[in-house]
Amino acid sequence: MYVKIDDQERNQLSQAIDQLSEGLDAFIELYNESVEDKPLLQLTEENEGLLGKAIIKFGGNEVNEKVNKVIAELLEWLPLDDVQSNIGDEGEEAKSEKTEN
């Protein structure tokens, strides 16, 4: 099957193909740079339900602030000054450092 096109149409098709190629390259780059989203905490179903209710009643921002404040206070009790971590790899690095020491 052949399609007859003039020079202007050929140029437009060429530009469209170039744009599609650039878009595909952008998607491939995003995919290649993606990392697995691992939750930091494994909440129980009961706590998930309670958080959901609190968010409905008080709003996400207020609940988020209060939960983060409580977590920060709890983590102050742990000796964490000697641990270095990269965001996203906290759990794995901590495990490997414990096994090395």
PDB file of N, CA and C in Angstrom:
ATOM      1  N   MET A   1       0.836  -1.170   0.000  1.00  0.00           N
ATOM      2  CA  MET A   1       0.000   0.000   0.000  1.00  0.00           C
ATOM      3  C   MET A   1       0.885   1.239   0.000  1.00  0.00           C
ATOM      4  N   TYR A   2       0.606   2.147  -0.862  1.00  0.00           N
ATOM      5  CA  TYR A   2       1.360   3.386  -0.982  1.00  0.00           C
ATOM      6  C   TYR A   2       0.440   4.569  -0.732  1.00  0.00           C
ATOM      7  N   VAL A   3       0.980   5.577  -0.083  1.00  0.00           N
ATOM      8  CA  VAL A   3       0.240   6.813   0.152  1.00  0.00           C
ATOM      9  C   VAL A   3       1.002   7.924  -0.549  1.00  0.00           C
ATOM     10  N   LYS A   4       0.293   8.679  -1.328  1.00  0.00           N
ATOM     11  CA  LYS A   4       0.931   9.787  -2.031  1.00  0.00           C
ATOM     12  C   LYS A   4       0.888  11.026  -1.147  1.00  0.00           C
ATOM     13  N   ILE A   5       2.072  11.611  -0.933  1.00  0.00           N
ATOM     14  CA  ILE A   5       2.163  12.821  -0.131  1.00  0.00           C
ATOM     15  C   ILE A   5       3.099  13.803  -0.811  1.00  0.00           C
ATOM     16  N   ASP A   6       2.859  15.082  -0.557  1.00  0.00           N
ATOM     17  CA  ASP A   6       3.751  16.094  -1.122  1.00  0.00           C
ATOM     18  C   ASP A   6       4.865  16.399  -0.119  1.00  0.00           C
ATOM     19  N   ASP A   7       5.758  17.288  -0.487  1.00  0.00           N
ATOM     20  CA  ASP A   7       6.912  17.593   0.367  1.00  0.00           C
ATOM     21  C   ASP A   7       6.500  18.153   1.732  1.00  0.00           C
ATOM     22  N   GLN A   8       5.467  18.996   1.758  1.00  0.00           N
ATOM     23  CA  GLN A   8       5.016  19.573   3.021  1.00  0.00           C
ATOM     24  C   GLN A   8       4.479  18.477   3.946  1.00  0.00           C
ATOM     25  N   GLU A   9       3.678  17.568   3.409  1.00  0.00           N
ATOM     26  CA  GLU A   9       3.136  16.466   4.207  1.00  0.00           C
ATOM     27  C   GLU A   9       4.250  15.534   4.681  1.00  0.00           C
ATOM     28  N   ARG A  10       5.226  15.295   3.807  1.00  0.00           N
ATOM     29  CA  ARG A  10       6.367  14.453   4.176  1.00  0.00           C
ATOM     30  C   ARG A  10       7.127  15.086   5.348  1.00  0.00           C
ATOM     31  N   ASN A  11       7.311  16.404   5.294  1.00  0.00           N
ATOM     32  CA  ASN A  11       7.997  17.129   6.359  1.00  0.00           C
ATOM     33  C   ASN A  11       7.197  17.050   7.660  1.00  0.00           C
ATOM     34  N   GLN A  12       5.875  17.222   7.583  1.00  0.00           N
ATOM     35  CA  GLN A  12       5.025  17.137   8.769  1.00  0.00           C
ATOM     36  C   GLN A  12       5.075  15.736   9.382  1.00  0.00           C
ATOM     37  N   LEU A  13       5.027  14.715   8.542  1.00  0.00           N
ATOM     38  CA  LEU A  13       5.114  13.340   9.041  1.00  0.00           C
ATOM     39  C   LEU A  13       6.471  13.075   9.690  1.00  0.00           C
ATOM     40  N   SER A  14       7.514  13.597   9.088  1.00  0.00           N
ATOM     41  CA  SER A  14       8.850  13.422   9.641  1.00  0.00           C
ATOM     42  C   SER A  14       8.953  14.085  11.017  1.00  0.00           C
ATOM     43  N   GLN A  15       8.400  15.292  11.142  1.00  0.00           N
ATOM     44  CA  GLN A  15       8.411  15.983  12.433  1.00  0.00           C
ATOM     45  C   GLN A  15       7.585  15.216  13.469  1.00  0.00           C
ATOM     46  N   ALA A  16       6.444  14.691  13.054  1.00  0.00           N
ATOM     47  CA  ALA A  16       5.595  13.924  13.971  1.00  0.00           C
ATOM     48  C   ALA A  16       6.322  12.671  14.446  1.00  0.00           C
ATOM     49  N   ILE A  17       7.012  11.991  13.541  1.00  0.00           N
ATOM     50  CA  ILE A  17       7.777  10.795  13.913  1.00  0.00           C
ATOM     51  C   ILE A  17       8.893  11.165  14.886  1.00  0.00           C
ATOM     52  N   ASP A  18       9.577  12.286  14.634  1.00  0.00           N
ATOM     53  CA  ASP A  18      10.631  12.741  15.546  1.00  0.00           C
ATOM     54  C   ASP A  18      10.070  13.028  16.938  1.00  0.00           C
ATOM     55  N   GLN A  19       8.898  13.671  16.995  1.00  0.00           N
ATOM     56  CA  GLN A  19       8.281  13.981  18.283  1.00  0.00           C
ATOM     57  C   GLN A  19       7.872  12.701  19.012  1.00  0.00           C
ATOM     58  N   LEU A  20       7.329  11.735  18.281  1.00  0.00           N
ATOM     59  CA  LEU A  20       6.971  10.453  18.890  1.00  0.00           C
ATOM     60  C   LEU A  20       8.213   9.752  19.436  1.00  0.00           C
ATOM     61  N   SER A  21       9.286   9.812  18.684  1.00  0.00           N
ATOM     62  CA  SER A  21      10.533   9.190  19.111  1.00  0.00           C
ATOM     63  C   SER A  21      11.067   9.857  20.377  1.00  0.00           C
ATOM     64  N   GLU A  22      11.016  11.189  20.429  1.00  0.00           N
ATOM     65  CA  GLU A  22      11.458  11.912  21.623  1.00  0.00           C
ATOM     66  C   GLU A  22      10.590  11.548  22.825  1.00  0.00           C
ATOM     67  N   GLY A  23       9.278  11.465  22.603  1.00  0.00           N
ATOM     68  CA  GLY A  23       8.366  11.093  23.685  1.00  0.00           C
ATOM     69  C   GLY A  23       8.651   9.691  24.193  1.00  0.00           C
ATOM     70  N   LEU A  24       8.895   8.763  23.278  1.00  0.00           N
ATOM     71  CA  LEU A  24       9.214   7.393  23.668  1.00  0.00           C
ATOM     72  C   LEU A  24      10.522   7.352  24.452  1.00  0.00           C
ATOM     73  N   ASP A  25      11.513   8.122  23.999  1.00  0.00           N
ATOM     74  CA  ASP A  25      12.783   8.186  24.728  1.00  0.00           C
ATOM     75  C   ASP A  25      12.576   8.707  26.151  1.00  0.00           C
ATOM     76  N   ALA A  26      11.691   9.695  26.309  1.00  0.00           N
ATOM     77  CA  ALA A  26      11.409  10.243  27.642  1.00  0.00           C
ATOM     78  C   ALA A  26      10.775   9.179  28.532  1.00  0.00           C
ATOM     79  N   PHE A  27       9.835   8.400  27.985  1.00  0.00           N
ATOM     80  CA  PHE A  27       9.211   7.332  28.765  1.00  0.00           C
ATOM     81  C   PHE A  27      10.224   6.254  29.137  1.00  0.00           C
ATOM     82  N   ILE A  28      11.088   5.903  28.218  1.00  0.00           N
ATOM     83  CA  ILE A  28      12.114   4.896  28.495  1.00  0.00           C
ATOM     84  C   ILE A  28      13.048   5.391  29.594  1.00  0.00           C
ATOM     85  N   GLU A  29      13.430   6.668  29.546  1.00  0.00           N
ATOM     86  CA  GLU A  29      14.296   7.233  30.577  1.00  0.00           C
ATOM     87  C   GLU A  29      13.606   7.217  31.941  1.00  0.00           C
ATOM     88  N   LEU A  30      12.327   7.594  31.977  1.00  0.00           N
ATOM     89  CA  LEU A  30      11.576   7.541  33.237  1.00  0.00           C
ATOM     90  C   LEU A  30      11.534   6.120  33.785  1.00  0.00           C
ATOM     91  N   TYR A  31      11.282   5.161  32.912  1.00  0.00           N
ATOM     92  CA  TYR A  31      11.227   3.761  33.338  1.00  0.00           C
ATOM     93  C   TYR A  31      12.581   3.311  33.885  1.00  0.00           C
ATOM     94  N   ASN A  32      13.650   3.644  33.177  1.00  0.00           N
ATOM     95  CA  ASN A  32      14.985   3.209  33.589  1.00  0.00           C
ATOM     96  C   ASN A  32      15.417   3.840  34.907  1.00  0.00           C
ATOM     97  N   GLU A  33      14.920   5.044  35.212  1.00  0.00           N
ATOM     98  CA  GLU A  33      15.293   5.728  36.446  1.00  0.00           C
ATOM     99  C   GLU A  33      14.337   5.436  37.594  1.00  0.00           C
ATOM    100  N   SER A  34      13.310   4.656  37.338  1.00  0.00           N
ATOM    101  CA  SER A  34      12.321   4.387  38.381  1.00  0.00           C
ATOM    102  C   SER A  34      12.881   3.400  39.400  1.00  0.00           C
ATOM    103  N   VAL A  35      12.384   3.512  40.616  1.00  0.00           N
ATOM    104  CA  VAL A  35      12.749   2.598  41.690  1.00  0.00           C
ATOM    105  C   VAL A  35      11.474   2.063  42.312  1.00  0.00           C
ATOM    106  N   GLU A  36      11.583   0.916  42.930  1.00  0.00           N
ATOM    107  CA  GLU A  36      10.417   0.306  43.554  1.00  0.00           C
ATOM    108  C   GLU A  36       9.975   1.135  44.752  1.00  0.00           C
ATOM    109  N   ASP A  37       8.688   1.376  44.841  1.00  0.00           N
ATOM    110  CA  ASP A  37       8.114   2.126  45.955  1.00  0.00           C
ATOM    111  C   ASP A  37       7.814   1.156  47.086  1.00  0.00           C
ATOM    112  N   LYS A  38       8.682   1.173  48.098  1.00  0.00           N
ATOM    113  CA  LYS A  38       8.511   0.273  49.239  1.00  0.00           C
ATOM    114  C   LYS A  38       7.989   1.089  50.421  1.00  0.00           C
ATOM    115  N   PRO A  39       6.928   0.637  51.053  1.00  0.00           N
ATOM    116  CA  PRO A  39       6.428   1.368  52.225  1.00  0.00           C
ATOM    117  C   PRO A  39       7.424   1.278  53.377  1.00  0.00           C
ATOM    118  N   LEU A  40       7.567   2.387  54.102  1.00  0.00           N
ATOM    119  CA  LEU A  40       8.474   2.389  55.250  1.00  0.00           C
ATOM    120  C   LEU A  40       7.884   1.635  56.424  1.00  0.00           C
ATOM    121  N   LEU A  41       6.569   1.697  56.566  1.00  0.00           N
ATOM    122  CA  LEU A  41       5.888   1.021  57.669  1.00  0.00           C
ATOM    123  C   LEU A  41       4.844   0.065  57.124  1.00  0.00           C
ATOM    124  N   GLN A  42       4.655  -1.027  57.816  1.00  0.00           N
ATOM    125  CA  GLN A  42       3.596  -1.976  57.490  1.00  0.00           C
ATOM    126  C   GLN A  42       2.507  -1.799  58.542  1.00  0.00           C
ATOM    127  N   LEU A  43       1.504  -1.000  58.229  1.00  0.00           N
ATOM    128  CA  LEU A  43       0.427  -0.750  59.186  1.00  0.00           C
ATOM    129  C   LEU A  43      -0.522  -1.940  59.241  1.00  0.00           C
ATOM    130  N   THR A  44      -1.063  -2.175  60.419  1.00  0.00           N
ATOM    131  CA  THR A  44      -2.090  -3.207  60.542  1.00  0.00           C
ATOM    132  C   THR A  44      -3.376  -2.681  59.909  1.00  0.00           C
ATOM    133  N   GLU A  45      -4.268  -3.589  59.578  1.00  0.00           N
ATOM    134  CA  GLU A  45      -5.550  -3.178  59.005  1.00  0.00           C
ATOM    135  C   GLU A  45      -6.303  -2.265  59.960  1.00  0.00           C
ATOM    136  N   GLU A  46      -6.209  -2.576  61.256  1.00  0.00           N
ATOM    137  CA  GLU A  46      -6.891  -1.754  62.261  1.00  0.00           C
ATOM    138  C   GLU A  46      -6.357  -0.319  62.238  1.00  0.00           C
ATOM    139  N   ASN A  47      -5.015  -0.173  62.199  1.00  0.00           N
ATOM    140  CA  ASN A  47      -4.428   1.166  62.175  1.00  0.00           C
ATOM    141  C   ASN A  47      -4.732   1.894  60.874  1.00  0.00           C
ATOM    142  N   GLU A  48      -4.749   1.174  59.765  1.00  0.00           N
ATOM    143  CA  GLU A  48      -5.122   1.801  58.495  1.00  0.00           C
ATOM    144  C   GLU A  48      -6.539   2.351  58.571  1.00  0.00           C
ATOM    145  N   GLY A  49      -7.437   1.561  59.162  1.00  0.00           N
ATOM    146  CA  GLY A  49      -8.818   2.007  59.309  1.00  0.00           C
ATOM    147  C   GLY A  49      -8.931   3.231  60.199  1.00  0.00           C
ATOM    148  N   LEU A  50      -8.192   3.219  61.314  1.00  0.00           N
ATOM    149  CA  LEU A  50      -8.219   4.362  62.225  1.00  0.00           C
ATOM    150  C   LEU A  50      -7.636   5.612  61.572  1.00  0.00           C
ATOM    151  N   LEU A  51      -6.556   5.440  60.822  1.00  0.00           N
ATOM    152  CA  LEU A  51      -5.984   6.584  60.108  1.00  0.00           C
ATOM    153  C   LEU A  51      -6.970   7.138  59.090  1.00  0.00           C
ATOM    154  N   GLY A  52      -7.639   6.247  58.382  1.00  0.00           N
ATOM    155  CA  GLY A  52      -8.638   6.685  57.412  1.00  0.00           C
ATOM    156  C   GLY A  52      -9.741   7.497  58.065  1.00  0.00           C
ATOM    157  N   LYS A  53     -10.215   7.031  59.217  1.00  0.00           N
ATOM    158  CA  LYS A  53     -11.261   7.760  59.944  1.00  0.00           C
ATOM    159  C   LYS A  53     -10.749   9.123  60.415  1.00  0.00           C
ATOM    160  N   ALA A  54      -9.519   9.141  60.934  1.00  0.00           N
ATOM    161  CA  ALA A  54      -8.943  10.400  61.419  1.00  0.00           C
ATOM    162  C   ALA A  54      -8.784  11.402  60.281  1.00  0.00           C
ATOM    163  N   ILE A  55      -8.377  10.918  59.116  1.00  0.00           N
ATOM    164  CA  ILE A  55      -8.213  11.803  57.959  1.00  0.00           C
ATOM    165  C   ILE A  55      -9.557  12.378  57.541  1.00  0.00           C
ATOM    166  N   ILE A  56     -10.587  11.549  57.561  1.00  0.00           N
ATOM    167  CA  ILE A  56     -11.924  12.033  57.208  1.00  0.00           C
ATOM    168  C   ILE A  56     -12.376  13.102  58.202  1.00  0.00           C
ATOM    169  N   LYS A  57     -12.142  12.853  59.481  1.00  0.00           N
ATOM    170  CA  LYS A  57     -12.643  13.766  60.511  1.00  0.00           C
ATOM    171  C   LYS A  57     -11.812  15.045  60.626  1.00  0.00           C
ATOM    172  N   PHE A  58     -10.473  14.914  60.605  1.00  0.00           N
ATOM    173  CA  PHE A  58      -9.613  16.060  60.891  1.00  0.00           C
ATOM    174  C   PHE A  58      -8.859  16.599  59.671  1.00  0.00           C
ATOM    175  N   GLY A  59      -8.857  15.864  58.581  1.00  0.00           N
ATOM    176  CA  GLY A  59      -8.125  16.294  57.388  1.00  0.00           C
ATOM    177  C   GLY A  59      -6.740  15.681  57.343  1.00  0.00           C
ATOM    178  N   GLY A  60      -6.270  15.443  56.137  1.00  0.00           N
ATOM    179  CA  GLY A  60      -4.989  14.772  55.935  1.00  0.00           C
ATOM    180  C   GLY A  60      -3.802  15.523  56.486  1.00  0.00           C
ATOM    181  N   ASN A  61      -3.775  16.845  56.320  1.00  0.00           N
ATOM    182  CA  ASN A  61      -2.619  17.616  56.783  1.00  0.00           C
ATOM    183  C   ASN A  61      -2.459  17.547  58.295  1.00  0.00           C
ATOM    184  N   GLU A  62      -3.552  17.725  59.022  1.00  0.00           N
ATOM    185  CA  GLU A  62      -3.467  17.702  60.487  1.00  0.00           C
ATOM    186  C   GLU A  62      -3.047  16.324  60.992  1.00  0.00           C
ATOM    187  N   VAL A  63      -3.645  15.272  60.429  1.00  0.00           N
ATOM    188  CA  VAL A  63      -3.292  13.913  60.846  1.00  0.00           C
ATOM    189  C   VAL A  63      -1.837  13.626  60.493  1.00  0.00           C
ATOM    190  N   ASN A  64      -1.406  14.034  59.313  1.00  0.00           N
ATOM    191  CA  ASN A  64      -0.028  13.827  58.883  1.00  0.00           C
ATOM    192  C   ASN A  64       0.948  14.497  59.847  1.00  0.00           C
ATOM    193  N   GLU A  65       0.656  15.745  60.224  1.00  0.00           N
ATOM    194  CA  GLU A  65       1.530  16.454  61.163  1.00  0.00           C
ATOM    195  C   GLU A  65       1.618  15.728  62.497  1.00  0.00           C
ATOM    196  N   LYS A  66       0.472  15.319  63.029  1.00  0.00           N
ATOM    197  CA  LYS A  66       0.453  14.677  64.350  1.00  0.00           C
ATOM    198  C   LYS A  66       1.156  13.314  64.320  1.00  0.00           C
ATOM    199  N   VAL A  67       0.903  12.524  63.285  1.00  0.00           N
ATOM    200  CA  VAL A  67       1.541  11.206  63.181  1.00  0.00           C
ATOM    201  C   VAL A  67       3.048  11.368  63.023  1.00  0.00           C
ATOM    202  N   ASN A  68       3.485  12.321  62.202  1.00  0.00           N
ATOM    203  CA  ASN A  68       4.919  12.547  62.033  1.00  0.00           C
ATOM    204  C   ASN A  68       5.569  13.024  63.323  1.00  0.00           C
ATOM    205  N   LYS A  69       4.855  13.831  64.100  1.00  0.00           N
ATOM    206  CA  LYS A  69       5.378  14.306  65.377  1.00  0.00           C
ATOM    207  C   LYS A  69       5.565  13.130  66.340  1.00  0.00           C
ATOM    208  N   VAL A  70       4.586  12.242  66.400  1.00  0.00           N
ATOM    209  CA  VAL A  70       4.674  11.070  67.281  1.00  0.00           C
ATOM    210  C   VAL A  70       5.811  10.156  66.836  1.00  0.00           C
ATOM    211  N   ILE A  71       5.926   9.925  65.537  1.00  0.00           N
ATOM    212  CA  ILE A  71       7.004   9.071  65.019  1.00  0.00           C
ATOM    213  C   ILE A  71       8.362   9.674  65.351  1.00  0.00           C
ATOM    214  N   ALA A  72       8.508  10.990  65.174  1.00  0.00           N
ATOM    215  CA  ALA A  72       9.781  11.652  65.490  1.00  0.00           C
ATOM    216  C   ALA A  72      10.134  11.469  66.960  1.00  0.00           C
ATOM    217  N   GLU A  73       9.149  11.612  67.838  1.00  0.00           N
ATOM    218  CA  GLU A  73       9.405  11.432  69.271  1.00  0.00           C
ATOM    219  C   GLU A  73       9.806   9.994  69.586  1.00  0.00           C
ATOM    220  N   LEU A  74       9.157   9.030  68.954  1.00  0.00           N
ATOM    221  CA  LEU A  74       9.515   7.626  69.183  1.00  0.00           C
ATOM    222  C   LEU A  74      10.924   7.322  68.679  1.00  0.00           C
ATOM    223  N   LEU A  75      11.278   7.864  67.532  1.00  0.00           N
ATOM    224  CA  LEU A  75      12.592   7.582  66.956  1.00  0.00           C
ATOM    225  C   LEU A  75      13.718   8.263  67.725  1.00  0.00           C
ATOM    226  N   GLU A  76      13.403   9.314  68.480  1.00  0.00           N
ATOM    227  CA  GLU A  76      14.428   9.954  69.313  1.00  0.00           C
ATOM    228  C   GLU A  76      14.960   8.994  70.370  1.00  0.00           C
ATOM    229  N   TRP A  77      14.205   7.994  70.729  1.00  0.00           N
ATOM    230  CA  TRP A  77      14.619   7.028  71.745  1.00  0.00           C
ATOM    231  C   TRP A  77      15.662   6.048  71.206  1.00  0.00           C
ATOM    232  N   LEU A  78      15.779   5.953  69.902  1.00  0.00           N
ATOM    233  CA  LEU A  78      16.694   4.981  69.305  1.00  0.00           C
ATOM    234  C   LEU A  78      18.042   5.630  69.006  1.00  0.00           C
ATOM    235  N   PRO A  79      19.147   4.924  69.252  1.00  0.00           N
ATOM    236  CA  PRO A  79      20.470   5.464  68.925  1.00  0.00           C
ATOM    237  C   PRO A  79      20.743   5.314  67.422  1.00  0.00           C
ATOM    238  N   LEU A  80      20.468   6.361  66.664  1.00  0.00           N
ATOM    239  CA  LEU A  80      20.586   6.285  65.206  1.00  0.00           C
ATOM    240  C   LEU A  80      21.704   7.157  64.645  1.00  0.00           C
ATOM    241  N   ASP A  81      22.495   7.799  65.504  1.00  0.00           N
ATOM    242  CA  ASP A  81      23.523   8.728  65.035  1.00  0.00           C
ATOM    243  C   ASP A  81      24.596   8.056  64.186  1.00  0.00           C
ATOM    244  N   ASP A  82      24.849   6.775  64.405  1.00  0.00           N
ATOM    245  CA  ASP A  82      25.915   6.079  63.686  1.00  0.00           C
ATOM    246  C   ASP A  82      25.433   5.439  62.382  1.00  0.00           C
ATOM    247  N   VAL A  83      24.180   5.662  62.004  1.00  0.00           N
ATOM    248  CA  VAL A  83      23.615   5.035  60.810  1.00  0.00           C
ATOM    249  C   VAL A  83      23.487   6.070  59.705  1.00  0.00           C
ATOM    250  N   GLN A  84      24.020   5.728  58.526  1.00  0.00           N
ATOM    251  CA  GLN A  84      23.841   6.570  57.348  1.00  0.00           C
ATOM    252  C   GLN A  84      22.876   5.864  56.417  1.00  0.00           C
ATOM    253  N   SER A  85      22.014   6.639  55.776  1.00  0.00           N
ATOM    254  CA  SER A  85      21.064   6.011  54.861  1.00  0.00           C
ATOM    255  C   SER A  85      20.822   6.906  53.665  1.00  0.00           C
ATOM    256  N   ASN A  86      20.422   6.273  52.581  1.00  0.00           N
ATOM    257  CA  ASN A  86      19.950   6.977  51.393  1.00  0.00           C
ATOM    258  C   ASN A  86      18.448   6.866  51.381  1.00  0.00           C
ATOM    259  N   ILE A  87      17.780   7.927  50.989  1.00  0.00           N
ATOM    260  CA  ILE A  87      16.316   7.889  50.948  1.00  0.00           C
ATOM    261  C   ILE A  87      15.890   6.762  50.025  1.00  0.00           C
ATOM    262  N   GLY A  88      14.973   5.934  50.522  1.00  0.00           N
ATOM    263  CA  GLY A  88      14.477   4.803  49.756  1.00  0.00           C
ATOM    264  C   GLY A  88      15.177   3.503  50.090  1.00  0.00           C
ATOM    265  N   ASP A  89      16.398   3.582  50.663  1.00  0.00           N
ATOM    266  CA  ASP A  89      17.149   2.371  50.986  1.00  0.00           C
ATOM    267  C   ASP A  89      17.359   2.211  52.483  1.00  0.00           C
ATOM    268  N   GLU A  90      16.603   2.934  53.303  1.00  0.00           N
ATOM    269  CA  GLU A  90      16.840   2.943  54.738  1.00  0.00           C
ATOM    270  C   GLU A  90      16.846   1.545  55.328  1.00  0.00           C
ATOM    271  N   GLY A  91      15.823   0.790  55.068  1.00  0.00           N
ATOM    272  CA  GLY A  91      15.693  -0.524  55.677  1.00  0.00           C
ATOM    273  C   GLY A  91      16.798  -1.467  55.274  1.00  0.00           C
ATOM    274  N   GLU A  92      17.123  -1.528  54.011  1.00  0.00           N
ATOM    275  CA  GLU A  92      18.148  -2.447  53.526  1.00  0.00           C
ATOM    276  C   GLU A  92      19.520  -2.073  54.058  1.00  0.00           C
ATOM    277  N   GLU A  93      19.840  -0.762  54.071  1.00  0.00           N
ATOM    278  CA  GLU A  93      21.143  -0.352  54.575  1.00  0.00           C
ATOM    279  C   GLU A  93      21.279  -0.662  56.049  1.00  0.00           C
ATOM    280  N   ALA A  94      20.241  -0.408  56.798  1.00  0.00           N
ATOM    281  CA  ALA A  94      20.291  -0.675  58.233  1.00  0.00           C
ATOM    282  C   ALA A  94      20.518  -2.160  58.480  1.00  0.00           C
ATOM    283  N   LYS A  95      19.850  -3.009  57.703  1.00  0.00           N
ATOM    284  CA  LYS A  95      20.032  -4.450  57.856  1.00  0.00           C
ATOM    285  C   LYS A  95      21.467  -4.846  57.546  1.00  0.00           C
ATOM    286  N   SER A  96      22.021  -4.300  56.444  1.00  0.00           N
ATOM    287  CA  SER A  96      23.370  -4.688  56.049  1.00  0.00           C
ATOM    288  C   SER A  96      24.398  -4.173  57.047  1.00  0.00           C
ATOM    289  N   GLU A  97      24.186  -2.983  57.618  1.00  0.00           N
ATOM    290  CA  GLU A  97      25.127  -2.471  58.600  1.00  0.00           C
ATOM    291  C   GLU A  97      25.090  -3.294  59.878  1.00  0.00           C
ATOM    292  N   LYS A  98      23.917  -3.748  60.274  1.00  0.00           N
ATOM    293  CA  LYS A  98      23.819  -4.571  61.480  1.00  0.00           C
ATOM    294  C   LYS A  98      24.539  -5.897  61.278  1.00  0.00           C
ATOM    295  N   THR A  99      24.419  -6.486  60.089  1.00  0.00           N
ATOM    296  CA  THR A  99      25.055  -7.776  59.851  1.00  0.00           C
ATOM    297  C   THR A  99      26.563  -7.631  59.712  1.00  0.00           C
ATOM    298  N   GLU A 100      27.040  -6.456  59.243  1.00  0.00           N
ATOM    299  CA  GLU A 100      28.471  -6.242  59.100  1.00  0.00           C
ATOM    300  C   GLU A 100      29.132  -6.016  60.449  1.00  0.00           C
ATOM    301  N   ASN A 101      28.435  -5.373  61.390  1.00  0.00           N
ATOM    302  CA  ASN A 101      29.026  -5.027  62.697  1.00  0.00           C
ATOM    303  C   ASN A 101      28.959  -6.143  63.652  1.00  0.00           C
TER     304      ASN A 101
END
